[in-house]
N, C-alpha and C. Protein backbone atom coordinates (compact mmCIF):
# COMPACT_ATOMS: atom_id res chain seq x y z
N LEU A 1 -28.39 -23.40 -16.72
CA LEU A 1 -28.64 -22.36 -15.74
C LEU A 1 -30.04 -21.81 -15.97
N VAL A 2 -30.90 -22.08 -15.05
CA VAL A 2 -32.28 -21.61 -15.14
C VAL A 2 -32.38 -20.29 -14.40
N ASN A 3 -32.85 -19.28 -15.09
CA ASN A 3 -32.99 -17.98 -14.46
C ASN A 3 -34.35 -17.90 -13.79
N ARG A 4 -34.34 -18.05 -12.50
CA ARG A 4 -35.58 -17.96 -11.75
C ARG A 4 -35.84 -16.55 -11.26
N GLY A 5 -35.00 -15.64 -11.64
CA GLY A 5 -35.11 -14.27 -11.16
C GLY A 5 -34.42 -14.13 -9.82
N PRO A 6 -34.22 -12.92 -9.37
CA PRO A 6 -33.54 -12.72 -8.10
C PRO A 6 -34.39 -13.21 -6.94
N ARG A 7 -33.75 -13.93 -6.05
CA ARG A 7 -34.45 -14.37 -4.84
C ARG A 7 -34.38 -13.24 -3.83
N ARG A 8 -35.51 -12.81 -3.41
CA ARG A 8 -35.56 -11.69 -2.47
C ARG A 8 -36.03 -12.18 -1.11
N PRO A 9 -35.50 -11.59 -0.07
CA PRO A 9 -35.97 -11.98 1.26
C PRO A 9 -37.39 -11.47 1.48
N ASP A 10 -38.01 -12.01 2.47
CA ASP A 10 -39.37 -11.61 2.81
C ASP A 10 -39.39 -10.13 3.18
N LEU A 11 -40.25 -9.37 2.54
CA LEU A 11 -40.32 -7.93 2.80
C LEU A 11 -41.39 -7.58 3.82
N LEU A 12 -42.25 -8.53 4.16
CA LEU A 12 -43.36 -8.22 5.04
C LEU A 12 -42.89 -7.84 6.44
N GLY A 13 -41.99 -8.62 7.01
CA GLY A 13 -41.50 -8.34 8.36
C GLY A 13 -40.76 -7.02 8.47
N PRO A 14 -39.69 -6.83 7.68
CA PRO A 14 -38.98 -5.55 7.75
C PRO A 14 -39.85 -4.37 7.34
N GLY A 15 -40.75 -4.58 6.39
CA GLY A 15 -41.64 -3.48 5.97
C GLY A 15 -42.58 -3.07 7.09
N ALA A 16 -43.12 -4.04 7.80
CA ALA A 16 -44.02 -3.74 8.92
C ALA A 16 -43.26 -3.04 10.05
N LEU A 17 -42.04 -3.53 10.32
CA LEU A 17 -41.24 -2.87 11.36
C LEU A 17 -40.90 -1.43 10.98
N LEU A 18 -40.57 -1.22 9.71
CA LEU A 18 -40.24 0.12 9.25
C LEU A 18 -41.44 1.05 9.37
N LEU A 19 -42.61 0.59 8.96
CA LEU A 19 -43.82 1.42 9.08
C LEU A 19 -44.16 1.71 10.53
N ALA A 20 -43.98 0.71 11.40
CA ALA A 20 -44.24 0.93 12.82
C ALA A 20 -43.26 1.95 13.41
N GLY A 21 -42.00 1.85 13.03
CA GLY A 21 -41.01 2.82 13.50
C GLY A 21 -41.32 4.23 13.03
N LEU A 22 -41.71 4.35 11.76
CA LEU A 22 -42.07 5.68 11.24
C LEU A 22 -43.33 6.22 11.90
N ALA A 23 -44.28 5.34 12.20
CA ALA A 23 -45.49 5.77 12.89
C ALA A 23 -45.16 6.28 14.30
N LEU A 24 -44.29 5.56 15.00
CA LEU A 24 -43.87 6.02 16.33
C LEU A 24 -43.17 7.38 16.24
N LEU A 25 -42.35 7.54 15.23
CA LEU A 25 -41.65 8.81 15.06
C LEU A 25 -42.64 9.94 14.77
N ALA A 26 -43.64 9.69 13.95
CA ALA A 26 -44.64 10.71 13.65
C ALA A 26 -45.47 11.07 14.88
N VAL A 27 -45.87 10.06 15.66
CA VAL A 27 -46.63 10.33 16.88
C VAL A 27 -45.79 11.16 17.86
N ALA A 28 -44.52 10.82 17.97
CA ALA A 28 -43.63 11.56 18.86
C ALA A 28 -43.48 13.01 18.38
N TRP A 29 -43.35 13.19 17.10
CA TRP A 29 -43.19 14.54 16.54
C TRP A 29 -44.42 15.40 16.86
N PHE A 30 -45.59 14.87 16.54
CA PHE A 30 -46.80 15.66 16.77
C PHE A 30 -47.12 15.81 18.24
N GLY A 31 -46.79 14.81 19.03
CA GLY A 31 -47.03 14.92 20.47
C GLY A 31 -46.13 15.96 21.13
N ALA A 32 -44.87 15.98 20.73
CA ALA A 32 -43.94 16.94 21.33
C ALA A 32 -44.19 18.34 20.81
N SER A 33 -44.72 18.47 19.62
CA SER A 33 -44.92 19.82 19.06
C SER A 33 -46.02 20.58 19.79
N GLY A 34 -46.92 19.89 20.49
CA GLY A 34 -47.99 20.58 21.20
C GLY A 34 -47.60 21.02 22.60
N GLN A 35 -46.40 20.73 23.04
CA GLN A 35 -45.96 21.07 24.40
C GLN A 35 -45.13 22.35 24.37
N GLU A 36 -45.35 23.20 25.36
CA GLU A 36 -44.63 24.49 25.39
C GLU A 36 -43.33 24.42 26.17
N THR A 37 -43.20 23.48 27.09
CA THR A 37 -41.98 23.38 27.89
C THR A 37 -41.30 22.04 27.60
N VAL A 38 -40.06 21.95 28.05
CA VAL A 38 -39.26 20.76 27.74
C VAL A 38 -39.72 19.55 28.54
N GLY A 39 -40.14 19.72 29.77
CA GLY A 39 -40.49 18.60 30.64
C GLY A 39 -41.52 17.65 30.04
N PRO A 40 -42.65 18.14 29.58
CA PRO A 40 -43.65 17.23 29.00
C PRO A 40 -43.23 16.62 27.65
N GLN A 41 -42.17 17.12 27.05
CA GLN A 41 -41.72 16.59 25.76
C GLN A 41 -40.86 15.33 25.92
N ILE A 42 -40.33 15.09 27.11
CA ILE A 42 -39.41 13.99 27.34
C ILE A 42 -40.01 12.62 26.96
N PRO A 43 -41.24 12.30 27.35
CA PRO A 43 -41.79 11.00 26.92
C PRO A 43 -41.89 10.87 25.40
N PHE A 44 -42.17 11.97 24.72
CA PHE A 44 -42.26 11.92 23.27
C PHE A 44 -40.87 11.76 22.62
N VAL A 45 -39.86 12.33 23.26
CA VAL A 45 -38.49 12.12 22.77
C VAL A 45 -38.12 10.65 22.89
N ASN A 46 -38.46 10.05 24.03
CA ASN A 46 -38.20 8.61 24.22
C ASN A 46 -38.94 7.78 23.17
N LEU A 47 -40.17 8.15 22.88
CA LEU A 47 -40.95 7.44 21.87
C LEU A 47 -40.30 7.58 20.49
N GLY A 48 -39.83 8.78 20.19
CA GLY A 48 -39.16 9.02 18.91
C GLY A 48 -37.87 8.22 18.78
N VAL A 49 -37.10 8.15 19.84
CA VAL A 49 -35.86 7.36 19.82
C VAL A 49 -36.18 5.88 19.60
N GLY A 50 -37.23 5.41 20.25
CA GLY A 50 -37.66 4.02 20.03
C GLY A 50 -38.07 3.78 18.59
N GLY A 51 -38.76 4.75 17.99
CA GLY A 51 -39.15 4.63 16.59
C GLY A 51 -37.96 4.58 15.66
N VAL A 52 -36.96 5.40 15.92
CA VAL A 52 -35.75 5.40 15.09
C VAL A 52 -35.01 4.07 15.23
N ILE A 53 -34.93 3.56 16.45
CA ILE A 53 -34.26 2.27 16.67
C ILE A 53 -35.02 1.15 15.95
N LEU A 54 -36.35 1.18 16.02
CA LEU A 54 -37.16 0.16 15.36
C LEU A 54 -36.99 0.22 13.84
N ALA A 55 -37.01 1.43 13.28
CA ALA A 55 -36.83 1.58 11.83
C ALA A 55 -35.42 1.16 11.41
N GLY A 56 -34.43 1.48 12.20
CA GLY A 56 -33.06 1.07 11.89
C GLY A 56 -32.89 -0.43 11.94
N THR A 57 -33.55 -1.07 12.90
CA THR A 57 -33.51 -2.53 12.98
C THR A 57 -34.16 -3.16 11.76
N ALA A 58 -35.27 -2.58 11.32
CA ALA A 58 -35.94 -3.09 10.11
C ALA A 58 -35.03 -2.99 8.90
N ASN A 59 -34.34 -1.88 8.76
CA ASN A 59 -33.42 -1.73 7.63
C ASN A 59 -32.28 -2.73 7.71
N ALA A 60 -31.76 -2.97 8.91
CA ALA A 60 -30.67 -3.93 9.07
C ALA A 60 -31.13 -5.34 8.73
N VAL A 61 -32.33 -5.71 9.14
CA VAL A 61 -32.86 -7.05 8.83
C VAL A 61 -33.02 -7.20 7.32
N TYR A 62 -33.53 -6.18 6.66
CA TYR A 62 -33.70 -6.24 5.21
C TYR A 62 -32.35 -6.36 4.50
N LEU A 63 -31.39 -5.54 4.91
CA LEU A 63 -30.08 -5.59 4.27
C LEU A 63 -29.37 -6.92 4.49
N MET A 64 -29.51 -7.50 5.67
CA MET A 64 -28.90 -8.82 5.92
C MET A 64 -29.56 -9.89 5.06
N GLY A 65 -30.87 -9.80 4.87
CA GLY A 65 -31.56 -10.75 4.00
C GLY A 65 -31.12 -10.61 2.56
N MET A 66 -30.95 -9.39 2.09
CA MET A 66 -30.48 -9.19 0.72
C MET A 66 -29.05 -9.69 0.56
N ARG A 67 -28.23 -9.49 1.57
CA ARG A 67 -26.85 -9.97 1.50
C ARG A 67 -26.81 -11.49 1.43
N ARG A 68 -27.66 -12.14 2.23
CA ARG A 68 -27.72 -13.60 2.20
C ARG A 68 -28.20 -14.10 0.84
N ALA A 69 -29.20 -13.44 0.26
CA ALA A 69 -29.70 -13.84 -1.05
C ALA A 69 -28.62 -13.67 -2.11
N LEU A 70 -27.86 -12.59 -2.03
CA LEU A 70 -26.78 -12.35 -2.99
C LEU A 70 -25.68 -13.41 -2.85
N ARG A 71 -25.34 -13.75 -1.61
CA ARG A 71 -24.32 -14.77 -1.39
C ARG A 71 -24.76 -16.12 -1.94
N GLU A 72 -26.04 -16.47 -1.74
CA GLU A 72 -26.54 -17.74 -2.28
C GLU A 72 -26.54 -17.73 -3.80
N ARG A 73 -26.91 -16.63 -4.40
CA ARG A 73 -26.93 -16.54 -5.86
C ARG A 73 -25.52 -16.62 -6.44
N ARG A 74 -24.56 -15.96 -5.79
CA ARG A 74 -23.18 -16.04 -6.26
C ARG A 74 -22.65 -17.46 -6.16
N ALA A 75 -23.00 -18.17 -5.09
CA ALA A 75 -22.56 -19.56 -4.94
C ALA A 75 -23.19 -20.44 -6.01
N GLU A 76 -24.45 -20.18 -6.34
CA GLU A 76 -25.13 -20.95 -7.39
C GLU A 76 -24.47 -20.72 -8.74
N ILE A 77 -24.14 -19.48 -9.05
CA ILE A 77 -23.49 -19.16 -10.32
C ILE A 77 -22.10 -19.80 -10.38
N ALA A 78 -21.37 -19.75 -9.27
CA ALA A 78 -20.04 -20.35 -9.24
C ALA A 78 -20.11 -21.86 -9.44
N SER A 79 -21.11 -22.52 -8.87
CA SER A 79 -21.22 -23.97 -9.05
C SER A 79 -21.57 -24.30 -10.49
N HIS A 80 -22.39 -23.49 -11.13
CA HIS A 80 -22.72 -23.72 -12.55
C HIS A 80 -21.49 -23.51 -13.43
N ARG A 81 -20.68 -22.54 -13.08
CA ARG A 81 -19.45 -22.31 -13.86
C ARG A 81 -18.49 -23.48 -13.71
N ARG A 82 -18.39 -24.01 -12.50
CA ARG A 82 -17.51 -25.17 -12.30
C ARG A 82 -18.02 -26.38 -13.08
N LEU A 83 -19.32 -26.59 -13.07
CA LEU A 83 -19.88 -27.71 -13.82
C LEU A 83 -19.71 -27.51 -15.32
N ALA A 84 -19.86 -26.30 -15.79
CA ALA A 84 -19.70 -26.02 -17.22
C ALA A 84 -18.27 -26.24 -17.65
N GLY A 85 -17.31 -26.01 -16.79
CA GLY A 85 -15.91 -26.21 -17.11
C GLY A 85 -15.55 -27.68 -17.23
N ARG A 86 -16.31 -28.55 -16.59
CA ARG A 86 -16.02 -29.99 -16.61
C ARG A 86 -16.65 -30.69 -17.81
N VAL A 87 -17.60 -30.08 -18.44
CA VAL A 87 -18.29 -30.70 -19.55
C VAL A 87 -17.38 -30.67 -20.79
N GLU A 88 -17.22 -31.84 -21.40
CA GLU A 88 -16.39 -31.92 -22.59
C GLU A 88 -17.25 -31.71 -23.83
N MET A 89 -16.80 -30.87 -24.69
CA MET A 89 -17.53 -30.60 -25.93
C MET A 89 -17.03 -31.55 -27.01
N PRO A 90 -17.96 -32.16 -27.78
CA PRO A 90 -17.54 -33.11 -28.83
C PRO A 90 -16.88 -32.43 -30.02
């Protein structure tokens, strides 16, 4: 059993999506805070909701990748255990 360390999914895609979602949320926050009435705030609310959806999607993609990596690692360990059980010791 060679320990290659934990296999991690690519963080660049989900990380970029998360930063983009947070940036949209920040722009929406500061844009809506400068408006005195509710009407002009509506586009910024829509932008904020889009940012939250984008950040949530990034988190879901990351978690699914980690789950897949964990499943592959567990299968690898199980196959090594099966092989170790078949080896006869002199």
